[in-house]
Amino acid sequence: MDDRRRQELLGWIEQTKRTQRKLAIVSGALAVVAIGLAVWSKLVGTFAIIGVGLFAICAFWVTAAHNAAHYQKLEELAAADRRNRRAKPS
């Protein structure tokens, strides 16, 4: 397997995990604000809580999908490497 490509994919995976941690912090802060809005106005707070929930779900869904694609590409590269090693006589 091309080690440079593998390292690039692993770097992207780590970057996406860092993004997920940042999104968790932002989502938590937004949730606190939304709860504060719910104390102030039930209607506005409800919409804010729903909005924060949708934002968090979508953000984590997208970043998880990115990592799944990167892991799949790593597996495809490993499978191609295994095929190449079997095809070449030692």
PDB file of N, CA and C in Angstrom:
ATOM      1  N   MET A   1       0.854  -1.178   0.000  1.00  0.00           N
ATOM      2  CA  MET A   1       0.000   0.000   0.000  1.00  0.00           C
ATOM      3  C   MET A   1       0.893   1.232   0.000  1.00  0.00           C
ATOM      4  N   ASP A   2       0.447   2.218  -0.691  1.00  0.00           N
ATOM      5  CA  ASP A   2       1.172   3.477  -0.725  1.00  0.00           C
ATOM      6  C   ASP A   2       1.130   4.102   0.670  1.00  0.00           C
ATOM      7  N   ASP A   3       2.282   4.093   1.340  1.00  0.00           N
ATOM      8  CA  ASP A   3       2.317   4.563   2.726  1.00  0.00           C
ATOM      9  C   ASP A   3       1.960   6.042   2.839  1.00  0.00           C
ATOM     10  N   ARG A   4       2.342   6.825   1.827  1.00  0.00           N
ATOM     11  CA  ARG A   4       2.016   8.256   1.860  1.00  0.00           C
ATOM     12  C   ARG A   4       0.504   8.467   1.827  1.00  0.00           C
ATOM     13  N   ARG A   5      -0.182   7.716   0.979  1.00  0.00           N
ATOM     14  CA  ARG A   5      -1.644   7.816   0.876  1.00  0.00           C
ATOM     15  C   ARG A   5      -2.300   7.360   2.188  1.00  0.00           C
ATOM     16  N   ARG A   6      -1.765   6.289   2.771  1.00  0.00           N
ATOM     17  CA  ARG A   6      -2.300   5.787   4.039  1.00  0.00           C
ATOM     18  C   ARG A   6      -2.150   6.848   5.129  1.00  0.00           C
ATOM     19  N   GLN A   7      -0.994   7.455   5.213  1.00  0.00           N
ATOM     20  CA  GLN A   7      -0.767   8.491   6.216  1.00  0.00           C
ATOM     21  C   GLN A   7      -1.678   9.699   5.987  1.00  0.00           C
ATOM     22  N   GLU A   8      -1.917  10.025   4.721  1.00  0.00           N
ATOM     23  CA  GLU A   8      -2.819  11.136   4.398  1.00  0.00           C
ATOM     24  C   GLU A   8      -4.238  10.835   4.888  1.00  0.00           C
ATOM     25  N   LEU A   9      -4.716   9.618   4.630  1.00  0.00           N
ATOM     26  CA  LEU A   9      -6.058   9.230   5.072  1.00  0.00           C
ATOM     27  C   LEU A   9      -6.152   9.216   6.596  1.00  0.00           C
ATOM     28  N   LEU A  10      -5.127   8.709   7.255  1.00  0.00           N
ATOM     29  CA  LEU A  10      -5.124   8.707   8.724  1.00  0.00           C
ATOM     30  C   LEU A  10      -5.109  10.138   9.269  1.00  0.00           C
ATOM     31  N   GLY A  11      -4.418  11.034   8.589  1.00  0.00           N
ATOM     32  CA  GLY A  11      -4.418  12.441   8.991  1.00  0.00           C
ATOM     33  C   GLY A  11      -5.798  13.057   8.855  1.00  0.00           C
ATOM     34  N   TRP A  12      -6.479  12.728   7.770  1.00  0.00           N
ATOM     35  CA  TRP A  12      -7.840  13.245   7.576  1.00  0.00           C
ATOM     36  C   TRP A  12      -8.772  12.710   8.653  1.00  0.00           C
ATOM     37  N   ILE A  13      -8.598  11.442   9.021  1.00  0.00           N
ATOM     38  CA  ILE A  13      -9.431  10.852  10.068  1.00  0.00           C
ATOM     39  C   ILE A  13      -9.213  11.594  11.380  1.00  0.00           C
ATOM     40  N   GLU A  14      -7.969  11.854  11.729  1.00  0.00           N
ATOM     41  CA  GLU A  14      -7.679  12.585  12.966  1.00  0.00           C
ATOM     42  C   GLU A  14      -8.233  14.009  12.917  1.00  0.00           C
ATOM     43  N   GLN A  15      -8.129  14.654  11.762  1.00  0.00           N
ATOM     44  CA  GLN A  15      -8.666  16.012  11.617  1.00  0.00           C
ATOM     45  C   GLN A  15     -10.182  16.008  11.802  1.00  0.00           C
ATOM     46  N   THR A  16     -10.843  15.006  11.268  1.00  0.00           N
ATOM     47  CA  THR A  16     -12.297  14.910  11.418  1.00  0.00           C
ATOM     48  C   THR A  16     -12.673  14.648  12.872  1.00  0.00           C
ATOM     49  N   LYS A  17     -11.884  13.845  13.567  1.00  0.00           N
ATOM     50  CA  LYS A  17     -12.150  13.610  14.997  1.00  0.00           C
ATOM     51  C   LYS A  17     -11.986  14.897  15.796  1.00  0.00           C
ATOM     52  N   ARG A  18     -10.977  15.717  15.441  1.00  0.00           N
ATOM     53  CA  ARG A  18     -10.813  17.017  16.108  1.00  0.00           C
ATOM     54  C   ARG A  18     -12.011  17.907  15.827  1.00  0.00           C
ATOM     55  N   THR A  19     -12.497  17.877  14.590  1.00  0.00           N
ATOM     56  CA  THR A  19     -13.680  18.658  14.227  1.00  0.00           C
ATOM     57  C   THR A  19     -14.888  18.203  15.043  1.00  0.00           C
ATOM     58  N   GLN A  20     -15.029  16.901  15.242  1.00  0.00           N
ATOM     59  CA  GLN A  20     -16.140  16.390  16.050  1.00  0.00           C
ATOM     60  C   GLN A  20     -16.051  16.882  17.492  1.00  0.00           C
ATOM     61  N   ARG A  21     -14.841  16.912  18.046  1.00  0.00           N
ATOM     62  CA  ARG A  21     -14.686  17.417  19.411  1.00  0.00           C
ATOM     63  C   ARG A  21     -15.069  18.895  19.487  1.00  0.00           C
ATOM     64  N   LYS A  22     -14.671  19.680  18.475  1.00  0.00           N
ATOM     65  CA  LYS A  22     -15.041  21.097  18.449  1.00  0.00           C
ATOM     66  C   LYS A  22     -16.553  21.255  18.313  1.00  0.00           C
ATOM     67  N   LEU A  23     -17.162  20.433  17.476  1.00  0.00           N
ATOM     68  CA  LEU A  23     -18.617  20.484  17.311  1.00  0.00           C
ATOM     69  C   LEU A  23     -19.328  20.130  18.608  1.00  0.00           C
ATOM     70  N   ALA A  24     -18.776  19.207  19.375  1.00  0.00           N
ATOM     71  CA  ALA A  24     -19.381  18.850  20.664  1.00  0.00           C
ATOM     72  C   ALA A  24     -19.353  20.039  21.613  1.00  0.00           C
ATOM     73  N   ILE A  25     -18.253  20.776  21.617  1.00  0.00           N
ATOM     74  CA  ILE A  25     -18.149  21.959  22.476  1.00  0.00           C
ATOM     75  C   ILE A  25     -19.146  23.023  22.035  1.00  0.00           C
ATOM     76  N   VAL A  26     -19.198  23.277  20.731  1.00  0.00           N
ATOM     77  CA  VAL A  26     -20.120  24.291  20.201  1.00  0.00           C
ATOM     78  C   VAL A  26     -21.567  23.874  20.463  1.00  0.00           C
ATOM     79  N   SER A  27     -21.878  22.602  20.223  1.00  0.00           N
ATOM     80  CA  SER A  27     -23.244  22.120  20.456  1.00  0.00           C
ATOM     81  C   SER A  27     -23.632  22.237  21.923  1.00  0.00           C
ATOM     82  N   GLY A  28     -22.700  21.940  22.812  1.00  0.00           N
ATOM     83  CA  GLY A  28     -22.972  22.077  24.243  1.00  0.00           C
ATOM     84  C   GLY A  28     -23.244  23.516  24.630  1.00  0.00           C
ATOM     85  N   ALA A  29     -22.433  24.434  24.105  1.00  0.00           N
ATOM     86  CA  ALA A  29     -22.643  25.857  24.402  1.00  0.00           C
ATOM     87  C   ALA A  29     -23.983  26.331  23.847  1.00  0.00           C
ATOM     88  N   LEU A  30     -24.300  25.908  22.634  1.00  0.00           N
ATOM     89  CA  LEU A  30     -25.579  26.292  22.042  1.00  0.00           C
ATOM     90  C   LEU A  30     -26.749  25.693  22.829  1.00  0.00           C
ATOM     91  N   ALA A  31     -26.578  24.488  23.351  1.00  0.00           N
ATOM     92  CA  ALA A  31     -27.631  23.867  24.148  1.00  0.00           C
ATOM     93  C   ALA A  31     -27.888  24.659  25.424  1.00  0.00           C
ATOM     94  N   VAL A  32     -26.821  25.146  26.049  1.00  0.00           N
ATOM     95  CA  VAL A  32     -26.979  25.971  27.253  1.00  0.00           C
ATOM     96  C   VAL A  32     -27.758  27.241  26.924  1.00  0.00           C
ATOM     97  N   VAL A  33     -27.423  27.870  25.801  1.00  0.00           N
ATOM     98  CA  VAL A  33     -28.143  29.075  25.378  1.00  0.00           C
ATOM     99  C   VAL A  33     -29.605  28.739  25.088  1.00  0.00           C
ATOM    100  N   ALA A  34     -29.834  27.612  24.415  1.00  0.00           N
ATOM    101  CA  ALA A  34     -31.205  27.216  24.088  1.00  0.00           C
ATOM    102  C   ALA A  34     -32.020  26.949  25.351  1.00  0.00           C
ATOM    103  N   ILE A  35     -31.406  26.346  26.351  1.00  0.00           N
ATOM    104  CA  ILE A  35     -32.116  26.108  27.610  1.00  0.00           C
ATOM    105  C   ILE A  35     -32.429  27.436  28.297  1.00  0.00           C
ATOM    106  N   GLY A  36     -31.484  28.352  28.233  1.00  0.00           N
ATOM    107  CA  GLY A  36     -31.740  29.691  28.782  1.00  0.00           C
ATOM    108  C   GLY A  36     -32.895  30.370  28.068  1.00  0.00           C
ATOM    109  N   LEU A  37     -32.949  30.207  26.757  1.00  0.00           N
ATOM    110  CA  LEU A  37     -34.078  30.766  26.004  1.00  0.00           C
ATOM    111  C   LEU A  37     -35.384  30.094  26.395  1.00  0.00           C
ATOM    112  N   ALA A  38     -35.337  28.798  26.690  1.00  0.00           N
ATOM    113  CA  ALA A  38     -36.546  28.082  27.088  1.00  0.00           C
ATOM    114  C   ALA A  38     -37.069  28.600  28.428  1.00  0.00           C
ATOM    115  N   VAL A  39     -36.156  28.996  29.311  1.00  0.00           N
ATOM    116  CA  VAL A  39     -36.577  29.580  30.581  1.00  0.00           C
ATOM    117  C   VAL A  39     -37.232  30.930  30.338  1.00  0.00           C
ATOM    118  N   TRP A  40     -36.688  31.686  29.411  1.00  0.00           N
ATOM    119  CA  TRP A  40     -37.204  33.016  29.092  1.00  0.00           C
ATOM    120  C   TRP A  40     -38.529  32.934  28.336  1.00  0.00           C
ATOM    121  N   SER A  41     -38.551  32.094  27.288  1.00  0.00           N
ATOM    122  CA  SER A  41     -39.768  31.932  26.482  1.00  0.00           C
ATOM    123  C   SER A  41     -39.848  30.481  26.028  1.00  0.00           C
ATOM    124  N   LYS A  42     -40.900  29.810  26.446  1.00  0.00           N
ATOM    125  CA  LYS A  42     -41.045  28.391  26.122  1.00  0.00           C
ATOM    126  C   LYS A  42     -41.053  28.148  24.614  1.00  0.00           C
ATOM    127  N   LEU A  43     -41.746  28.960  23.848  1.00  0.00           N
ATOM    128  CA  LEU A  43     -41.839  28.777  22.404  1.00  0.00           C
ATOM    129  C   LEU A  43     -40.479  28.971  21.727  1.00  0.00           C
ATOM    130  N   VAL A  44     -39.842  30.086  22.025  1.00  0.00           N
ATOM    131  CA  VAL A  44     -38.533  30.366  21.421  1.00  0.00           C
ATOM    132  C   VAL A  44     -37.518  29.317  21.848  1.00  0.00           C
ATOM    133  N   GLY A  45     -37.520  28.953  23.118  1.00  0.00           N
ATOM    134  CA  GLY A  45     -36.596  27.948  23.627  1.00  0.00           C
ATOM    135  C   GLY A  45     -36.792  26.596  22.985  1.00  0.00           C
ATOM    136  N   THR A  46     -38.050  26.222  22.771  1.00  0.00           N
ATOM    137  CA  THR A  46     -38.333  24.945  22.120  1.00  0.00           C
ATOM    138  C   THR A  46     -37.759  24.908  20.717  1.00  0.00           C
ATOM    139  N   PHE A  47     -37.979  25.973  19.956  1.00  0.00           N
ATOM    140  CA  PHE A  47     -37.405  26.044  18.605  1.00  0.00           C
ATOM    141  C   PHE A  47     -35.878  26.029  18.648  1.00  0.00           C
ATOM    142  N   ALA A  48     -35.301  26.719  19.625  1.00  0.00           N
ATOM    143  CA  ALA A  48     -33.847  26.749  19.752  1.00  0.00           C
ATOM    144  C   ALA A  48     -33.291  25.368  20.093  1.00  0.00           C
ATOM    145  N   ILE A  49     -33.957  24.673  20.998  1.00  0.00           N
ATOM    146  CA  ILE A  49     -33.501  23.330  21.374  1.00  0.00           C
ATOM    147  C   ILE A  49     -33.600  22.378  20.188  1.00  0.00           C
ATOM    148  N   ILE A  50     -34.698  22.451  19.464  1.00  0.00           N
ATOM    149  CA  ILE A  50     -34.852  21.607  18.274  1.00  0.00           C
ATOM    150  C   ILE A  50     -33.775  21.942  17.249  1.00  0.00           C
ATOM    151  N   GLY A  51     -33.525  23.228  17.047  1.00  0.00           N
ATOM    152  CA  GLY A  51     -32.494  23.651  16.094  1.00  0.00           C
ATOM    153  C   GLY A  51     -31.108  23.159  16.485  1.00  0.00           C
ATOM    154  N   VAL A  52     -30.775  23.276  17.760  1.00  0.00           N
ATOM    155  CA  VAL A  52     -29.469  22.801  18.232  1.00  0.00           C
ATOM    156  C   VAL A  52     -29.375  21.283  18.065  1.00  0.00           C
ATOM    157  N   GLY A  53     -30.451  20.588  18.383  1.00  0.00           N
ATOM    158  CA  GLY A  53     -30.454  19.131  18.218  1.00  0.00           C
ATOM    159  C   GLY A  53     -30.249  18.721  16.773  1.00  0.00           C
ATOM    160  N   LEU A  54     -30.951  19.373  15.868  1.00  0.00           N
ATOM    161  CA  LEU A  54     -30.791  19.068  14.444  1.00  0.00           C
ATOM    162  C   LEU A  54     -29.375  19.383  13.960  1.00  0.00           C
ATOM    163  N   PHE A  55     -28.852  20.532  14.405  1.00  0.00           N
ATOM    164  CA  PHE A  55     -27.485  20.901  14.044  1.00  0.00           C
ATOM    165  C   PHE A  55     -26.500  19.832  14.513  1.00  0.00           C
ATOM    166  N   ALA A  56     -26.621  19.415  15.777  1.00  0.00           N
ATOM    167  CA  ALA A  56     -25.690  18.432  16.333  1.00  0.00           C
ATOM    168  C   ALA A  56     -25.791  17.091  15.607  1.00  0.00           C
ATOM    169  N   ILE A  57     -27.012  16.631  15.379  1.00  0.00           N
ATOM    170  CA  ILE A  57     -27.204  15.354  14.687  1.00  0.00           C
ATOM    171  C   ILE A  57     -26.608  15.405  13.286  1.00  0.00           C
ATOM    172  N   CYS A  58     -26.920  16.440  12.531  1.00  0.00           N
ATOM    173  CA  CYS A  58     -26.412  16.550  11.159  1.00  0.00           C
ATOM    174  C   CYS A  58     -24.891  16.686  11.124  1.00  0.00           C
ATOM    175  N   ALA A  59     -24.342  17.493  12.026  1.00  0.00           N
ATOM    176  CA  ALA A  59     -22.897  17.698  12.048  1.00  0.00           C
ATOM    177  C   ALA A  59     -22.160  16.389  12.346  1.00  0.00           C
ATOM    178  N   PHE A  60     -22.635  15.650  13.338  1.00  0.00           N
ATOM    179  CA  PHE A  60     -21.965  14.397  13.675  1.00  0.00           C
ATOM    180  C   PHE A  60     -22.210  13.330  12.614  1.00  0.00           C
ATOM    181  N   TRP A  61     -23.355  13.347  11.985  1.00  0.00           N
ATOM    182  CA  TRP A  61     -23.656  12.395  10.923  1.00  0.00           C
ATOM    183  C   TRP A  61     -22.708  12.615   9.748  1.00  0.00           C
ATOM    184  N   VAL A  62     -22.529  13.862   9.351  1.00  0.00           N
ATOM    185  CA  VAL A  62     -21.657  14.177   8.217  1.00  0.00           C
ATOM    186  C   VAL A  62     -20.205  13.822   8.530  1.00  0.00           C
ATOM    187  N   THR A  63     -19.727  14.201   9.712  1.00  0.00           N
ATOM    188  CA  THR A  63     -18.332  13.909  10.035  1.00  0.00           C
ATOM    189  C   THR A  63     -18.101  12.408  10.195  1.00  0.00           C
ATOM    190  N   ALA A  64     -19.067  11.691  10.729  1.00  0.00           N
ATOM    191  CA  ALA A  64     -18.943  10.234  10.831  1.00  0.00           C
ATOM    192  C   ALA A  64     -18.915   9.598   9.448  1.00  0.00           C
ATOM    193  N   ALA A  65     -19.701  10.135   8.528  1.00  0.00           N
ATOM    194  CA  ALA A  65     -19.703   9.624   7.159  1.00  0.00           C
ATOM    195  C   ALA A  65     -18.351   9.868   6.486  1.00  0.00           C
ATOM    196  N   HIS A  66     -17.747  11.023   6.758  1.00  0.00           N
ATOM    197  CA  HIS A  66     -16.418  11.287   6.207  1.00  0.00           C
ATOM    198  C   HIS A  66     -15.422  10.241   6.710  1.00  0.00           C
ATOM    199  N   ASN A  67     -15.438   9.992   8.007  1.00  0.00           N
ATOM    200  CA  ASN A  67     -14.504   9.015   8.555  1.00  0.00           C
ATOM    201  C   ASN A  67     -14.787   7.615   8.026  1.00  0.00           C
ATOM    202  N   ALA A  68     -16.043   7.260   7.858  1.00  0.00           N
ATOM    203  CA  ALA A  68     -16.378   5.947   7.303  1.00  0.00           C
ATOM    204  C   ALA A  68     -15.825   5.810   5.893  1.00  0.00           C
ATOM    205  N   ALA A  69     -15.919   6.865   5.110  1.00  0.00           N
ATOM    206  CA  ALA A  69     -15.374   6.838   3.755  1.00  0.00           C
ATOM    207  C   ALA A  69     -13.860   6.697   3.780  1.00  0.00           C
ATOM    208  N   HIS A  70     -13.206   7.377   4.710  1.00  0.00           N
ATOM    209  CA  HIS A  70     -11.748   7.267   4.816  1.00  0.00           C
ATOM    210  C   HIS A  70     -11.337   5.858   5.247  1.00  0.00           C
ATOM    211  N   TYR A  71     -12.051   5.292   6.205  1.00  0.00           N
ATOM    212  CA  TYR A  71     -11.753   3.924   6.639  1.00  0.00           C
ATOM    213  C   TYR A  71     -11.994   2.927   5.492  1.00  0.00           C
ATOM    214  N   GLN A  72     -13.042   3.152   4.717  1.00  0.00           N
ATOM    215  CA  GLN A  72     -13.325   2.275   3.581  1.00  0.00           C
ATOM    216  C   GLN A  72     -12.193   2.365   2.563  1.00  0.00           C
ATOM    217  N   LYS A  73     -11.706   3.559   2.307  1.00  0.00           N
ATOM    218  CA  LYS A  73     -10.608   3.725   1.356  1.00  0.00           C
ATOM    219  C   LYS A  73      -9.348   3.035   1.870  1.00  0.00           C
ATOM    220  N   LEU A  74      -9.089   3.129   3.184  1.00  0.00           N
ATOM    221  CA  LEU A  74      -7.948   2.415   3.760  1.00  0.00           C
ATOM    222  C   LEU A  74      -8.081   0.912   3.532  1.00  0.00           C
ATOM    223  N   GLU A  75      -9.279   0.386   3.732  1.00  0.00           N
ATOM    224  CA  GLU A  75      -9.498  -1.047   3.527  1.00  0.00           C
ATOM    225  C   GLU A  75      -9.324  -1.428   2.057  1.00  0.00           C
ATOM    226  N   GLU A  76      -9.806  -0.580   1.147  1.00  0.00           N
ATOM    227  CA  GLU A  76      -9.632  -0.855  -0.283  1.00  0.00           C
ATOM    228  C   GLU A  76      -8.159  -0.869  -0.657  1.00  0.00           C
ATOM    229  N   LEU A  77      -7.390   0.060  -0.120  1.00  0.00           N
ATOM    230  CA  LEU A  77      -5.958   0.093  -0.399  1.00  0.00           C
ATOM    231  C   LEU A  77      -5.254  -1.139   0.172  1.00  0.00           C
ATOM    232  N   ALA A  78      -5.664  -1.564   1.369  1.00  0.00           N
ATOM    233  CA  ALA A  78      -5.080  -2.760   1.974  1.00  0.00           C
ATOM    234  C   ALA A  78      -5.429  -4.005   1.159  1.00  0.00           C
ATOM    235  N   ALA A  79      -6.669  -4.082   0.686  1.00  0.00           N
ATOM    236  CA  ALA A  79      -7.081  -5.224  -0.134  1.00  0.00           C
ATOM    237  C   ALA A  79      -6.303  -5.258  -1.442  1.00  0.00           C
ATOM    238  N   ALA A  80      -6.105  -4.108  -2.055  1.00  0.00           N
ATOM    239  CA  ALA A  80      -5.327  -4.044  -3.299  1.00  0.00           C
ATOM    240  C   ALA A  80      -3.883  -4.461  -3.042  1.00  0.00           C
ATOM    241  N   ASP A  81      -3.350  -4.058  -1.909  1.00  0.00           N
ATOM    242  CA  ASP A  81      -1.986  -4.440  -1.544  1.00  0.00           C
ATOM    243  C   ASP A  81      -1.882  -5.947  -1.349  1.00  0.00           C
ATOM    244  N   ARG A  82      -2.881  -6.551  -0.696  1.00  0.00           N
ATOM    245  CA  ARG A  82      -2.882  -8.005  -0.504  1.00  0.00           C
ATOM    246  C   ARG A  82      -2.971  -8.729  -1.839  1.00  0.00           C
ATOM    247  N   ARG A  83      -3.817  -8.229  -2.745  1.00  0.00           N
ATOM    248  CA  ARG A  83      -3.929  -8.839  -4.077  1.00  0.00           C
ATOM    249  C   ARG A  83      -2.612  -8.759  -4.824  1.00  0.00           C
ATOM    250  N   ASN A  84      -1.952  -7.615  -4.746  1.00  0.00           N
ATOM    251  CA  ASN A  84      -0.685  -7.437  -5.443  1.00  0.00           C
ATOM    252  C   ASN A  84       0.391  -8.376  -4.891  1.00  0.00           C
ATOM    253  N   ARG A  85       0.397  -8.570  -3.574  1.00  0.00           N
ATOM    254  CA  ARG A  85       1.402  -9.473  -2.978  1.00  0.00           C
ATOM    255  C   ARG A  85       1.142 -10.923  -3.383  1.00  0.00           C
ATOM    256  N   ARG A  86      -0.134 -11.316  -3.495  1.00  0.00           N
ATOM    257  CA  ARG A  86      -0.451 -12.675  -3.919  1.00  0.00           C
ATOM    258  C   ARG A  86      -0.123 -12.900  -5.385  1.00  0.00           C
ATOM    259  N   ALA A  87      -0.288 -11.848  -6.208  1.00  0.00           N
ATOM    260  CA  ALA A  87      -0.066 -11.972  -7.650  1.00  0.00           C
ATOM    261  C   ALA A  87       1.416 -12.069  -7.996  1.00  0.00           C
ATOM    262  N   LYS A  88       2.270 -11.464  -7.205  1.00  0.00           N
ATOM    263  CA  LYS A  88       3.712 -11.474  -7.480  1.00  0.00           C
ATOM    264  C   LYS A  88       4.346 -12.693  -6.840  1.00  0.00           C
ATOM    265  N   PRO A  89       4.986 -13.516  -7.667  1.00  0.00           N
ATOM    266  CA  PRO A  89       5.677 -14.682  -7.076  1.00  0.00           C
ATOM    267  C   PRO A  89       6.919 -14.224  -6.318  1.00  0.00           C
ATOM    268  N   SER A  90       7.181 -14.853  -5.176  1.00  0.00           N
ATOM    269  CA  SER A  90       8.347 -14.478  -4.373  1.00  0.00           C
ATOM    270  C   SER A  90       9.594 -15.137  -4.831  1.00  0.00           C
TER     271      SER A  90
END
